[in-house]
Amino acid sequence: QKEIYTMTLQDKAFPQIEKAVAAYSQALSKGFELSLYNDNTAFAARRLGELRPKEFPGLFETIPEVRRSSPSVFNASFETQP
């Protein structure tokens, strides 16, 4: 009986989850189209990752390693006027 009850709930929830996935996908697509990234697009991306983790694995930001090509301290010498 527990399995039947769980399956019935899943059957009722499935159409609502599909609507949510469509709405979040549309919101995310529009955000990308407008080159807009804010709290709302981040929320849509997170929710899609929760609802469909295989299709939407998430957004990750990679921070490049800092490489310095010059010293961080510069010594300047100024010429004095005679």
PDB file of N, CA and C in Angstrom:
ATOM      1  N   GLN A   1       0.823  -1.183   0.000  1.00  0.00           N
ATOM      2  CA  GLN A   1       0.000   0.000   0.000  1.00  0.00           C
ATOM      3  C   GLN A   1       0.872   1.253   0.000  1.00  0.00           C
ATOM      4  N   LYS A   2       1.995   1.184   0.704  1.00  0.00           N
ATOM      5  CA  LYS A   2       2.880   2.342   0.762  1.00  0.00           C
ATOM      6  C   LYS A   2       3.431   2.667  -0.625  1.00  0.00           C
ATOM      7  N   GLU A   3       3.833   1.641  -1.364  1.00  0.00           N
ATOM      8  CA  GLU A   3       4.359   1.850  -2.713  1.00  0.00           C
ATOM      9  C   GLU A   3       3.296   2.422  -3.637  1.00  0.00           C
ATOM     10  N   ILE A   4       2.092   1.917  -3.548  1.00  0.00           N
ATOM     11  CA  ILE A   4       0.994   2.410  -4.388  1.00  0.00           C
ATOM     12  C   ILE A   4       0.720   3.876  -4.070  1.00  0.00           C
ATOM     13  N   TYR A   5       0.718   4.225  -2.791  1.00  0.00           N
ATOM     14  CA  TYR A   5       0.484   5.603  -2.372  1.00  0.00           C
ATOM     15  C   TYR A   5       1.600   6.524  -2.900  1.00  0.00           C
ATOM     16  N   THR A   6       2.848   6.087  -2.774  1.00  0.00           N
ATOM     17  CA  THR A   6       3.988   6.867  -3.251  1.00  0.00           C
ATOM     18  C   THR A   6       3.916   7.063  -4.761  1.00  0.00           C
ATOM     19  N   MET A   7       3.576   6.016  -5.496  1.00  0.00           N
ATOM     20  CA  MET A   7       3.464   6.118  -6.954  1.00  0.00           C
ATOM     21  C   MET A   7       2.332   7.064  -7.357  1.00  0.00           C
ATOM     22  N   THR A   8       1.249   7.043  -6.623  1.00  0.00           N
ATOM     23  CA  THR A   8       0.136   7.938  -6.915  1.00  0.00           C
ATOM     24  C   THR A   8       0.547   9.388  -6.708  1.00  0.00           C
ATOM     25  N   LEU A   9       1.272   9.655  -5.633  1.00  0.00           N
ATOM     26  CA  LEU A   9       1.749  11.016  -5.394  1.00  0.00           C
ATOM     27  C   LEU A   9       2.726  11.467  -6.475  1.00  0.00           C
ATOM     28  N   GLN A  10       3.599  10.567  -6.896  1.00  0.00           N
ATOM     29  CA  GLN A  10       4.551  10.902  -7.951  1.00  0.00           C
ATOM     30  C   GLN A  10       3.833  11.185  -9.269  1.00  0.00           C
ATOM     31  N   ASP A  11       2.781  10.416  -9.564  1.00  0.00           N
ATOM     32  CA  ASP A  11       2.015  10.644 -10.781  1.00  0.00           C
ATOM     33  C   ASP A  11       1.328  12.005 -10.762  1.00  0.00           C
ATOM     34  N   LYS A  12       0.871  12.425  -9.587  1.00  0.00           N
ATOM     35  CA  LYS A  12       0.216  13.727  -9.473  1.00  0.00           C
ATOM     36  C   LYS A  12       1.229  14.866  -9.532  1.00  0.00           C
ATOM     37  N   ALA A  13       2.431  14.640  -9.028  1.00  0.00           N
ATOM     38  CA  ALA A  13       3.456  15.684  -8.992  1.00  0.00           C
ATOM     39  C   ALA A  13       4.164  15.847 -10.335  1.00  0.00           C
ATOM     40  N   PHE A  14       4.211  14.822 -11.149  1.00  0.00           N
ATOM     41  CA  PHE A  14       4.974  14.852 -12.395  1.00  0.00           C
ATOM     42  C   PHE A  14       4.585  16.010 -13.315  1.00  0.00           C
ATOM     43  N   PRO A  15       3.300  16.251 -13.595  1.00  0.00           N
ATOM     44  CA  PRO A  15       2.964  17.376 -14.489  1.00  0.00           C
ATOM     45  C   PRO A  15       3.398  18.733 -13.919  1.00  0.00           C
ATOM     46  N   GLN A  16       3.319  18.897 -12.616  1.00  0.00           N
ATOM     47  CA  GLN A  16       3.728  20.158 -12.007  1.00  0.00           C
ATOM     48  C   GLN A  16       5.248  20.345 -12.100  1.00  0.00           C
ATOM     49  N   ILE A  17       5.980  19.271 -11.948  1.00  0.00           N
ATOM     50  CA  ILE A  17       7.441  19.338 -12.076  1.00  0.00           C
ATOM     51  C   ILE A  17       7.819  19.685 -13.507  1.00  0.00           C
ATOM     52  N   GLU A  18       7.118  19.106 -14.469  1.00  0.00           N
ATOM     53  CA  GLU A  18       7.387  19.411 -15.880  1.00  0.00           C
ATOM     54  C   GLU A  18       7.119  20.885 -16.181  1.00  0.00           C
ATOM     55  N   LYS A  19       6.053  21.437 -15.622  1.00  0.00           N
ATOM     56  CA  LYS A  19       5.754  22.860 -15.814  1.00  0.00           C
ATOM     57  C   LYS A  19       6.849  23.724 -15.191  1.00  0.00           C
ATOM     58  N   ALA A  20       7.313  23.332 -14.032  1.00  0.00           N
ATOM     59  CA  ALA A  20       8.372  24.088 -13.360  1.00  0.00           C
ATOM     60  C   ALA A  20       9.661  24.052 -14.168  1.00  0.00           C
ATOM     61  N   VAL A  21      10.007  22.879 -14.689  1.00  0.00           N
ATOM     62  CA  VAL A  21      11.223  22.753 -15.499  1.00  0.00           C
ATOM     63  C   VAL A  21      11.112  23.628 -16.745  1.00  0.00           C
ATOM     64  N   ALA A  22       9.963  23.639 -17.382  1.00  0.00           N
ATOM     65  CA  ALA A  22       9.764  24.474 -18.573  1.00  0.00           C
ATOM     66  C   ALA A  22       9.890  25.956 -18.226  1.00  0.00           C
ATOM     67  N   ALA A  23       9.297  26.382 -17.118  1.00  0.00           N
ATOM     68  CA  ALA A  23       9.345  27.791 -16.717  1.00  0.00           C
ATOM     69  C   ALA A  23      10.774  28.207 -16.352  1.00  0.00           C
ATOM     70  N   TYR A  24      11.470  27.396 -15.581  1.00  0.00           N
ATOM     71  CA  TYR A  24      12.843  27.732 -15.205  1.00  0.00           C
ATOM     72  C   TYR A  24      13.765  27.721 -16.422  1.00  0.00           C
ATOM     73  N   SER A  25      13.554  26.787 -17.340  1.00  0.00           N
ATOM     74  CA  SER A  25      14.362  26.739 -18.558  1.00  0.00           C
ATOM     75  C   SER A  25      14.140  27.990 -19.400  1.00  0.00           C
ATOM     76  N   GLN A  26      12.889  28.406 -19.505  1.00  0.00           N
ATOM     77  CA  GLN A  26      12.574  29.607 -20.268  1.00  0.00           C
ATOM     78  C   GLN A  26      13.206  30.841 -19.615  1.00  0.00           C
ATOM     79  N   ALA A  27      13.130  30.932 -18.309  1.00  0.00           N
ATOM     80  CA  ALA A  27      13.725  32.064 -17.593  1.00  0.00           C
ATOM     81  C   ALA A  27      15.239  32.098 -17.785  1.00  0.00           C
ATOM     82  N   LEU A  28      15.871  30.948 -17.706  1.00  0.00           N
ATOM     83  CA  LEU A  28      17.314  30.874 -17.875  1.00  0.00           C
ATOM     84  C   LEU A  28      17.719  31.211 -19.303  1.00  0.00           C
ATOM     85  N   SER A  29      16.964  30.717 -20.273  1.00  0.00           N
ATOM     86  CA  SER A  29      17.251  31.020 -21.683  1.00  0.00           C
ATOM     87  C   SER A  29      17.130  32.512 -21.963  1.00  0.00           C
ATOM     88  N   LYS A  30      16.097  33.129 -21.412  1.00  0.00           N
ATOM     89  CA  LYS A  30      15.898  34.564 -21.611  1.00  0.00           C
ATOM     90  C   LYS A  30      17.022  35.353 -20.948  1.00  0.00           C
ATOM     91  N   GLY A  31      17.443  34.924 -19.788  1.00  0.00           N
ATOM     92  CA  GLY A  31      18.556  35.577 -19.122  1.00  0.00           C
ATOM     93  C   GLY A  31      19.837  35.502 -19.936  1.00  0.00           C
ATOM     94  N   PHE A  32      20.111  34.333 -20.526  1.00  0.00           N
ATOM     95  CA  PHE A  32      21.289  34.186 -21.381  1.00  0.00           C
ATOM     96  C   PHE A  32      21.154  35.027 -22.639  1.00  0.00           C
ATOM     97  N   GLU A  33      19.955  35.065 -23.186  1.00  0.00           N
ATOM     98  CA  GLU A  33      19.706  35.852 -24.402  1.00  0.00           C
ATOM     99  C   GLU A  33      19.985  37.339 -24.148  1.00  0.00           C
ATOM    100  N   LEU A  34      19.625  37.823 -22.984  1.00  0.00           N
ATOM    101  CA  LEU A  34      19.812  39.230 -22.633  1.00  0.00           C
ATOM    102  C   LEU A  34      21.150  39.499 -21.952  1.00  0.00           C
ATOM    103  N   SER A  35      21.984  38.472 -21.844  1.00  0.00           N
ATOM    104  CA  SER A  35      23.263  38.577 -21.126  1.00  0.00           C
ATOM    105  C   SER A  35      23.039  39.113 -19.721  1.00  0.00           C
ATOM    106  N   LEU A  36      22.064  38.540 -19.065  1.00  0.00           N
ATOM    107  CA  LEU A  36      21.667  38.981 -17.734  1.00  0.00           C
ATOM    108  C   LEU A  36      21.922  37.851 -16.747  1.00  0.00           C
ATOM    109  N   TYR A  37      22.667  38.160 -15.695  1.00  0.00           N
ATOM    110  CA  TYR A  37      22.879  37.173 -14.653  1.00  0.00           C
ATOM    111  C   TYR A  37      22.679  37.873 -13.321  1.00  0.00           C
ATOM    112  N   ASN A  38      21.637  37.475 -12.611  1.00  0.00           N
ATOM    113  CA  ASN A  38      21.339  38.068 -11.315  1.00  0.00           C
ATOM    114  C   ASN A  38      20.802  36.976 -10.392  1.00  0.00           C
ATOM    115  N   ASP A  39      20.196  37.378  -9.292  1.00  0.00           N
ATOM    116  CA  ASP A  39      19.685  36.407  -8.323  1.00  0.00           C
ATOM    117  C   ASP A  39      18.612  35.506  -8.924  1.00  0.00           C
ATOM    118  N   ASN A  40      17.802  36.052  -9.830  1.00  0.00           N
ATOM    119  CA  ASN A  40      16.720  35.262 -10.420  1.00  0.00           C
ATOM    120  C   ASN A  40      17.249  34.187 -11.370  1.00  0.00           C
ATOM    121  N   THR A  41      18.234  34.528 -12.182  1.00  0.00           N
ATOM    122  CA  THR A  41      18.795  33.515 -13.075  1.00  0.00           C
ATOM    123  C   THR A  41      19.564  32.459 -12.275  1.00  0.00           C
ATOM    124  N   ALA A  42      20.222  32.890 -11.215  1.00  0.00           N
ATOM    125  CA  ALA A  42      20.926  31.932 -10.357  1.00  0.00           C
ATOM    126  C   ALA A  42      19.935  30.991  -9.687  1.00  0.00           C
ATOM    127  N   PHE A  43      18.801  31.529  -9.246  1.00  0.00           N
ATOM    128  CA  PHE A  43      17.770  30.701  -8.626  1.00  0.00           C
ATOM    129  C   PHE A  43      17.223  29.690  -9.631  1.00  0.00           C
ATOM    130  N   ALA A  44      16.948  30.142 -10.862  1.00  0.00           N
ATOM    131  CA  ALA A  44      16.436  29.234 -11.899  1.00  0.00           C
ATOM    132  C   ALA A  44      17.447  28.124 -12.183  1.00  0.00           C
ATOM    133  N   ALA A  45      18.718  28.473 -12.256  1.00  0.00           N
ATOM    134  CA  ALA A  45      19.755  27.470 -12.516  1.00  0.00           C
ATOM    135  C   ALA A  45      19.838  26.456 -11.368  1.00  0.00           C
ATOM    136  N   ARG A  46      19.750  26.948 -10.131  1.00  0.00           N
ATOM    137  CA  ARG A  46      19.792  26.028  -8.974  1.00  0.00           C
ATOM    138  C   ARG A  46      18.590  25.091  -8.969  1.00  0.00           C
ATOM    139  N   ARG A  47      17.410  25.631  -9.218  1.00  0.00           N
ATOM    140  CA  ARG A  47      16.190  24.806  -9.205  1.00  0.00           C
ATOM    141  C   ARG A  47      16.232  23.768 -10.323  1.00  0.00           C
ATOM    142  N   LEU A  48      16.721  24.152 -11.507  1.00  0.00           N
ATOM    143  CA  LEU A  48      16.842  23.166 -12.578  1.00  0.00           C
ATOM    144  C   LEU A  48      17.822  22.065 -12.186  1.00  0.00           C
ATOM    145  N   GLY A  49      18.882  22.439 -11.505  1.00  0.00           N
ATOM    146  CA  GLY A  49      19.845  21.446 -11.032  1.00  0.00           C
ATOM    147  C   GLY A  49      19.244  20.493 -10.016  1.00  0.00           C
ATOM    148  N   GLU A  50      18.300  20.993  -9.223  1.00  0.00           N
ATOM    149  CA  GLU A  50      17.642  20.128  -8.238  1.00  0.00           C
ATOM    150  C   GLU A  50      16.603  19.225  -8.898  1.00  0.00           C
ATOM    151  N   LEU A  51      15.875  19.779  -9.872  1.00  0.00           N
ATOM    152  CA  LEU A  51      14.814  19.001 -10.516  1.00  0.00           C
ATOM    153  C   LEU A  51      15.353  18.022 -11.551  1.00  0.00           C
ATOM    154  N   ARG A  52      16.369  18.425 -12.280  1.00  0.00           N
ATOM    155  CA  ARG A  52      16.966  17.586 -13.324  1.00  0.00           C
ATOM    156  C   ARG A  52      18.490  17.645 -13.240  1.00  0.00           C
ATOM    157  N   PRO A  53      19.086  16.973 -12.277  1.00  0.00           N
ATOM    158  CA  PRO A  53      20.539  17.089 -12.082  1.00  0.00           C
ATOM    159  C   PRO A  53      21.377  16.570 -13.248  1.00  0.00           C
ATOM    160  N   LYS A  54      20.879  15.600 -13.999  1.00  0.00           N
ATOM    161  CA  LYS A  54      21.669  15.084 -15.124  1.00  0.00           C
ATOM    162  C   LYS A  54      21.662  16.047 -16.302  1.00  0.00           C
ATOM    163  N   GLU A  55      20.541  16.707 -16.536  1.00  0.00           N
ATOM    164  CA  GLU A  55      20.441  17.635 -17.658  1.00  0.00           C
ATOM    165  C   GLU A  55      21.045  18.996 -17.342  1.00  0.00           C
ATOM    166  N   PHE A  56      20.956  19.411 -16.087  1.00  0.00           N
ATOM    167  CA  PHE A  56      21.455  20.713 -15.666  1.00  0.00           C
ATOM    168  C   PHE A  56      22.383  20.518 -14.472  1.00  0.00           C
ATOM    169  N   PRO A  57      23.650  20.177 -14.729  1.00  0.00           N
ATOM    170  CA  PRO A  57      24.555  19.861 -13.628  1.00  0.00           C
ATOM    171  C   PRO A  57      24.908  21.061 -12.753  1.00  0.00           C
ATOM    172  N   GLY A  58      24.651  22.256 -13.214  1.00  0.00           N
ATOM    173  CA  GLY A  58      24.939  23.438 -12.407  1.00  0.00           C
ATOM    174  C   GLY A  58      25.958  24.326 -13.075  1.00  0.00           C
ATOM    175  N   LEU A  59      26.006  25.535 -12.606  1.00  0.00           N
ATOM    176  CA  LEU A  59      26.955  26.501 -13.131  1.00  0.00           C
ATOM    177  C   LEU A  59      28.104  26.637 -12.154  1.00  0.00           C
ATOM    178  N   PHE A  60      29.300  26.542 -12.678  1.00  0.00           N
ATOM    179  CA  PHE A  60      30.472  26.666 -11.840  1.00  0.00           C
ATOM    180  C   PHE A  60      31.372  27.739 -12.413  1.00  0.00           C
ATOM    181  N   GLU A  61      31.922  28.524 -11.535  1.00  0.00           N
ATOM    182  CA  GLU A  61      32.840  29.571 -11.945  1.00  0.00           C
ATOM    183  C   GLU A  61      34.244  29.124 -11.604  1.00  0.00           C
ATOM    184  N   THR A  62      35.120  29.180 -12.583  1.00  0.00           N
ATOM    185  CA  THR A  62      36.505  28.826 -12.323  1.00  0.00           C
ATOM    186  C   THR A  62      37.314  30.114 -12.242  1.00  0.00           C
ATOM    187  N   ILE A  63      38.089  30.212 -11.221  1.00  0.00           N
ATOM    188  CA  ILE A  63      38.924  31.389 -11.028  1.00  0.00           C
ATOM    189  C   ILE A  63      40.339  31.023 -11.449  1.00  0.00           C
ATOM    190  N   PRO A  64      40.879  31.748 -12.411  1.00  0.00           N
ATOM    191  CA  PRO A  64      42.211  31.397 -12.899  1.00  0.00           C
ATOM    192  C   PRO A  64      43.281  31.649 -11.842  1.00  0.00           C
ATOM    193  N   GLU A  65      44.349  30.905 -11.963  1.00  0.00           N
ATOM    194  CA  GLU A  65      45.474  31.060 -11.052  1.00  0.00           C
ATOM    195  C   GLU A  65      46.197  32.366 -11.368  1.00  0.00           C
ATOM    196  N   VAL A  66      46.620  33.052 -10.335  1.00  0.00           N
ATOM    197  CA  VAL A  66      47.289  34.332 -10.518  1.00  0.00           C
ATOM    198  C   VAL A  66      48.729  34.075 -10.932  1.00  0.00           C
ATOM    199  N   ARG A  67      49.107  34.681 -12.040  1.00  0.00           N
ATOM    200  CA  ARG A  67      50.491  34.593 -12.514  1.00  0.00           C
ATOM    201  C   ARG A  67      50.997  36.021 -12.694  1.00  0.00           C
ATOM    202  N   ARG A  68      52.038  36.316 -12.043  1.00  0.00           N
ATOM    203  CA  ARG A  68      52.586  37.668 -12.144  1.00  0.00           C
ATOM    204  C   ARG A  68      53.762  37.663 -13.115  1.00  0.00           C
ATOM    205  N   SER A  69      53.729  38.633 -14.030  1.00  0.00           N
ATOM    206  CA  SER A  69      54.817  38.722 -14.988  1.00  0.00           C
ATOM    207  C   SER A  69      55.795  39.828 -14.607  1.00  0.00           C
ATOM    208  N   SER A  70      55.433  40.585 -13.596  1.00  0.00           N
ATOM    209  CA  SER A  70      56.316  41.648 -13.148  1.00  0.00           C
ATOM    210  C   SER A  70      56.286  41.672 -11.617  1.00  0.00           C
ATOM    211  N   PRO A  71      57.283  42.276 -11.015  1.00  0.00           N
ATOM    212  CA  PRO A  71      57.302  42.314  -9.553  1.00  0.00           C
ATOM    213  C   PRO A  71      56.124  43.139  -9.029  1.00  0.00           C
ATOM    214  N   SER A  72      55.715  42.807  -7.827  1.00  0.00           N
ATOM    215  CA  SER A  72      54.572  43.506  -7.260  1.00  0.00           C
ATOM    216  C   SER A  72      54.959  44.857  -6.671  1.00  0.00           C
ATOM    217  N   VAL A  73      56.249  45.095  -6.470  1.00  0.00           N
ATOM    218  CA  VAL A  73      56.718  46.368  -5.944  1.00  0.00           C
ATOM    219  C   VAL A  73      57.622  47.007  -6.990  1.00  0.00           C
ATOM    220  N   PHE A  74      57.345  48.239  -7.291  1.00  0.00           N
ATOM    221  CA  PHE A  74      58.140  48.944  -8.278  1.00  0.00           C
ATOM    222  C   PHE A  74      58.966  50.013  -7.578  1.00  0.00           C
ATOM    223  N   ASN A  75      60.193  50.093  -7.933  1.00  0.00           N
ATOM    224  CA  ASN A  75      61.062  51.156  -7.437  1.00  0.00           C
ATOM    225  C   ASN A  75      61.166  52.209  -8.515  1.00  0.00           C
ATOM    226  N   ALA A  76      60.751  53.385  -8.191  1.00  0.00           N
ATOM    227  CA  ALA A  76      60.818  54.486  -9.167  1.00  0.00           C
ATOM    228  C   ALA A  76      61.901  55.470  -8.739  1.00  0.00           C
ATOM    229  N   SER A  77      62.616  55.905  -9.701  1.00  0.00           N
ATOM    230  CA  SER A  77      63.620  56.922  -9.404  1.00  0.00           C
ATOM    231  C   SER A  77      63.294  58.147 -10.253  1.00  0.00           C
ATOM    232  N   PHE A  78      63.336  59.279  -9.643  1.00  0.00           N
ATOM    233  CA  PHE A  78      63.024  60.514 -10.341  1.00  0.00           C
ATOM    234  C   PHE A  78      64.302  61.326 -10.504  1.00  0.00           C
ATOM    235  N   GLU A  79      64.418  61.959 -11.620  1.00  0.00           N
ATOM    236  CA  GLU A  79      65.581  62.818 -11.838  1.00  0.00           C
ATOM    237  C   GLU A  79      65.337  64.145 -11.140  1.00  0.00           C
ATOM    238  N   THR A  80      66.370  64.650 -10.573  1.00  0.00           N
ATOM    239  CA  THR A  80      66.251  65.964  -9.937  1.00  0.00           C
ATOM    240  C   THR A  80      66.778  67.023 -10.886  1.00  0.00           C
ATOM    241  N   GLN A  81      66.200  68.173 -10.837  1.00  0.00           N
ATOM    242  CA  GLN A  81      66.632  69.257 -11.715  1.00  0.00           C
ATOM    243  C   GLN A  81      67.846  69.934 -11.113  1.00  0.00           C
ATOM    244  N   PRO A  82      68.800  70.293 -11.981  1.00  0.00           N
ATOM    245  CA  PRO A  82      70.027  70.940 -11.457  1.00  0.00           C
ATOM    246  C   PRO A  82      69.782  72.332 -10.937  1.00  0.00           C
TER     247      PRO A  82
END
